[in-house]
C-alpha atoms as a PDB file:
ATOM      1  CA  MET A   1      17.208  -2.925  -2.695  1.00  0.00           C
ATOM      2  CA  ILE A   2      14.004  -4.326  -3.068  1.00  0.00           C
ATOM      3  CA  LYS A   3      15.873  -7.971  -2.134  1.00  0.00           C
ATOM      4  CA  LYS A   4      16.682  -6.349   1.126  1.00  0.00           C
ATOM      5  CA  LEU A   5      13.165  -5.001   1.897  1.00  0.00           C
ATOM      6  CA  HIS A   6      11.986  -8.344   0.960  1.00  0.00           C
ATOM      7  CA  ASP A   7      14.006  -9.980   2.788  1.00  0.00           C
ATOM      8  CA  MET A   8      12.931  -7.743   5.911  1.00  0.00           C
ATOM      9  CA  GLY A   9       9.403  -8.903   5.636  1.00  0.00           C
ATOM     10  CA  LEU A  10       8.223  -6.436   3.399  1.00  0.00           C
ATOM     11  CA  ARG A  11       5.652  -7.985   1.221  1.00  0.00           C
ATOM     12  CA  SER A  12       3.844  -6.459  -1.970  1.00  0.00           C
ATOM     13  CA  GLU A  13       0.490  -6.514   0.073  1.00  0.00           C
ATOM     14  CA  HIS A  14       1.744  -4.356   2.931  1.00  0.00           C
ATOM     15  CA  ALA A  15       3.268  -1.582  -0.101  1.00  0.00           C
ATOM     16  CA  TYR A  16      -0.406  -1.806  -1.789  1.00  0.00           C
ATOM     17  CA  THR A  17      -2.226  -0.531   1.439  1.00  0.00           C
ATOM     18  CA  ALA A  18      -0.076   1.971   2.578  1.00  0.00           C
ATOM     19  CA  ALA A  19      -1.063   3.468  -0.670  1.00  0.00           C
ATOM     20  CA  ILE A  20      -4.557   3.310  -0.533  1.00  0.00           C
ATOM     21  CA  THR A  21      -3.785   4.280   3.075  1.00  0.00           C
ATOM     22  CA  SER A  22      -2.329   7.520   1.735  1.00  0.00           C
ATOM     23  CA  ILE A  23      -5.073   8.149  -0.402  1.00  0.00           C
ATOM     24  CA  GLY A  24      -7.621   8.761   2.295  1.00  0.00           C
ATOM     25  CA  LEU A  25      -4.751  10.064   4.647  1.00  0.00           C
ATOM     26  CA  SER A  26      -4.413  12.663   1.747  1.00  0.00           C
ATOM     27  CA  VAL A  27      -7.774  13.827   1.889  1.00  0.00           C
ATOM     28  CA  LEU A  28      -7.908  13.528   5.911  1.00  0.00           C
ATOM     29  CA  THR A  29      -4.663  16.080   5.675  1.00  0.00           C
ATOM     30  CA  TRP A  30      -6.475  18.410   3.618  1.00  0.00           C
ATOM     31  CA  THR A  31      -9.431  18.394   5.407  1.00  0.00           C
ATOM     32  CA  ALA A  32      -7.554  18.963   8.746  1.00  0.00           C
ATOM     33  CA  SER A  33      -5.456  21.880   7.382  1.00  0.00           C
ATOM     34  CA  LEU A  34      -8.738  23.284   6.427  1.00  0.00           C
ATOM     35  CA  ARG A  35     -10.172  23.590   9.422  1.00  0.00           C
ATOM     36  CA  ALA A  36      -7.503  23.693  11.815  1.00  0.00           C
ATOM     37  CA  GLU A  37      -5.616  26.536   9.668  1.00  0.00           C
ATOM     38  CA  PRO A  38      -8.735  28.814   8.564  1.00  0.00           C
ATOM     39  CA  GLY A  39      -6.682  32.150   8.003  1.00  0.00           C
ATOM     40  CA  ARG A  40      -4.357  30.929   5.816  1.00  0.00           C
ATOM     41  CA  GLY A  41      -6.746  29.522   3.133  1.00  0.00           C
ATOM     42  CA  LEU A  42      -7.444  26.830   0.951  1.00  0.00           C
ATOM     43  CA  ASP A  43      -3.481  26.663  -1.121  1.00  0.00           C
ATOM     44  CA  ARG A  44      -2.240  25.696   2.125  1.00  0.00           C
ATOM     45  CA  ALA A  45      -4.678  23.273   2.591  1.00  0.00           C
ATOM     46  CA  ASP A  46      -4.475  22.093  -0.693  1.00  0.00           C
ATOM     47  CA  ARG A  47      -0.201  22.027  -0.326  1.00  0.00           C
ATOM     48  CA  TRP A  48      -0.312  19.430   2.857  1.00  0.00           C
ATOM     49  CA  GLY A  49      -3.679  17.588   0.321  1.00  0.00           C
ATOM     50  CA  ILE A  50      -0.740  17.049  -2.378  1.00  0.00           C
ATOM     51  CA  PHE A  51       2.018  16.792  -0.260  1.00  0.00           C
ATOM     52  CA  VAL A  52       0.670  13.300   1.099  1.00  0.00           C
ATOM     53  CA  GLY A  53      -0.905  11.949  -2.102  1.00  0.00           C
ATOM     54  CA  GLU A  54       2.337  12.095  -3.940  1.00  0.00           C
ATOM     55  CA  TRP A  55       3.165   9.429  -1.337  1.00  0.00           C
ATOM     56  CA  ALA A  56       0.986   6.786  -3.064  1.00  0.00           C
ATOM     57  CA  PRO A  57       2.384   6.608  -6.619  1.00  0.00           C
ATOM     58  CA  THR A  58       5.732   5.794  -5.046  1.00  0.00           C
ATOM     59  CA  LEU A  59       4.218   3.216  -2.945  1.00  0.00           C
ATOM     60  CA  PHE A  60       1.932   1.646  -5.202  1.00  0.00           C
ATOM     61  CA  GLY A  61       5.768   1.227  -8.056  1.00  0.00           C
ATOM     62  CA  LEU A  62       7.356  -0.032  -4.634  1.00  0.00           C
ATOM     63  CA  GLY A  63       4.345  -2.858  -4.960  1.00  0.00           C
ATOM     64  CA  LEU A  64       4.962  -3.884  -7.858  1.00  0.00           C
ATOM     65  CA  ALA A  65       8.507  -3.965  -7.837  1.00  0.00           C
ATOM     66  CA  LEU A  66       7.795  -6.093  -4.848  1.00  0.00           C
ATOM     67  CA  SER A  67       4.989  -7.857  -6.317  1.00  0.00           C
ATOM     68  CA  HIS A  68       7.513  -8.863  -9.241  1.00  0.00           C
ATOM     69  CA  TYR A  69      10.356  -9.911  -7.273  1.00  0.00           C
ATOM     70  CA  GLU A  70       7.837 -12.701  -5.388  1.00  0.00           C
ATOM     71  CA  GLN A  71       6.682 -13.837  -8.958  1.00  0.00           C
ATOM     72  CA  GLU A  72       9.794 -14.681 -10.023  1.00  0.00           C
ATOM     73  CA  GLU A  73      11.202 -15.600  -5.897  1.00  0.00           C
ATOM     74  CA  GLY A  74       7.794 -17.708  -6.546  1.00  0.00           C
ATOM     75  CA  SER A  75       6.986 -17.037  -3.237  1.00  0.00           C
ATOM     76  CA  LEU A  76       3.757 -15.540  -4.811  1.00  0.00           C
ATOM     77  CA  MET A  77       2.508 -18.000  -6.116  1.00  0.00           C
ATOM     78  CA  GLY A  78       3.561 -20.418  -3.632  1.00  0.00           C
ATOM     79  CA  LYS A  79       1.376 -18.689  -1.317  1.00  0.00           C
ATOM     80  CA  ALA A  80      -1.567 -18.009  -3.893  1.00  0.00           C
ATOM     81  CA  HIS A  81      -0.682 -22.119  -4.558  1.00  0.00           C
ATOM     82  CA  ALA A  82      -0.567 -23.007  -0.787  1.00  0.00           C
ATOM     83  CA  ASP A  83      -4.135 -20.703   0.274  1.00  0.00           C
ATOM     84  CA  GLY A  84      -6.265 -22.888  -2.396  1.00  0.00           C
ATOM     85  CA  GLU A  85      -4.814 -26.365  -0.912  1.00  0.00           C
ATOM     86  CA  ARG A  86      -6.116 -24.864   1.922  1.00  0.00           C
ATOM     87  CA  GLN A  87      -9.180 -23.910   1.034  1.00  0.00           C
ATOM     88  CA  ARG A  88      -9.650 -27.143  -1.111  1.00  0.00           C
ATOM     89  CA  GLN A  89      -9.057 -28.634   1.842  1.00  0.00           C
ATOM     90  CA  MET A  90     -11.666 -26.960   4.309  1.00  0.00           C
ATOM     91  CA  ALA A  91     -14.430 -27.653   1.601  1.00  0.00           C
ATOM     92  CA  GLY A  92     -13.688 -31.322   1.646  1.00  0.00           C
ATOM     93  CA  THR A  93     -14.047 -31.338   5.635  1.00  0.00           C
ATOM     94  CA  ALA A  94     -16.879 -29.478   5.860  1.00  0.00           C
END
């Protein structure tokens, strides 16, 4: 499954970004539920925040799995090496 996701273009950076975004979205959802449904109370807002907040560990896990796959495949280190070379070339021409 990880190989298939990687082949579709999903990278570890994408999963990590989505995980961090889901943490912010969890707080936003909690606040929005608290304000939009004032008669429902804090319990309902907490449930919405927790529901969205549970996405983050899954996405971080997916990011780790993709990162391990990228390291085994060589694309992660290859990208880091290419970025380093590009920076050295730019520093030499400046």
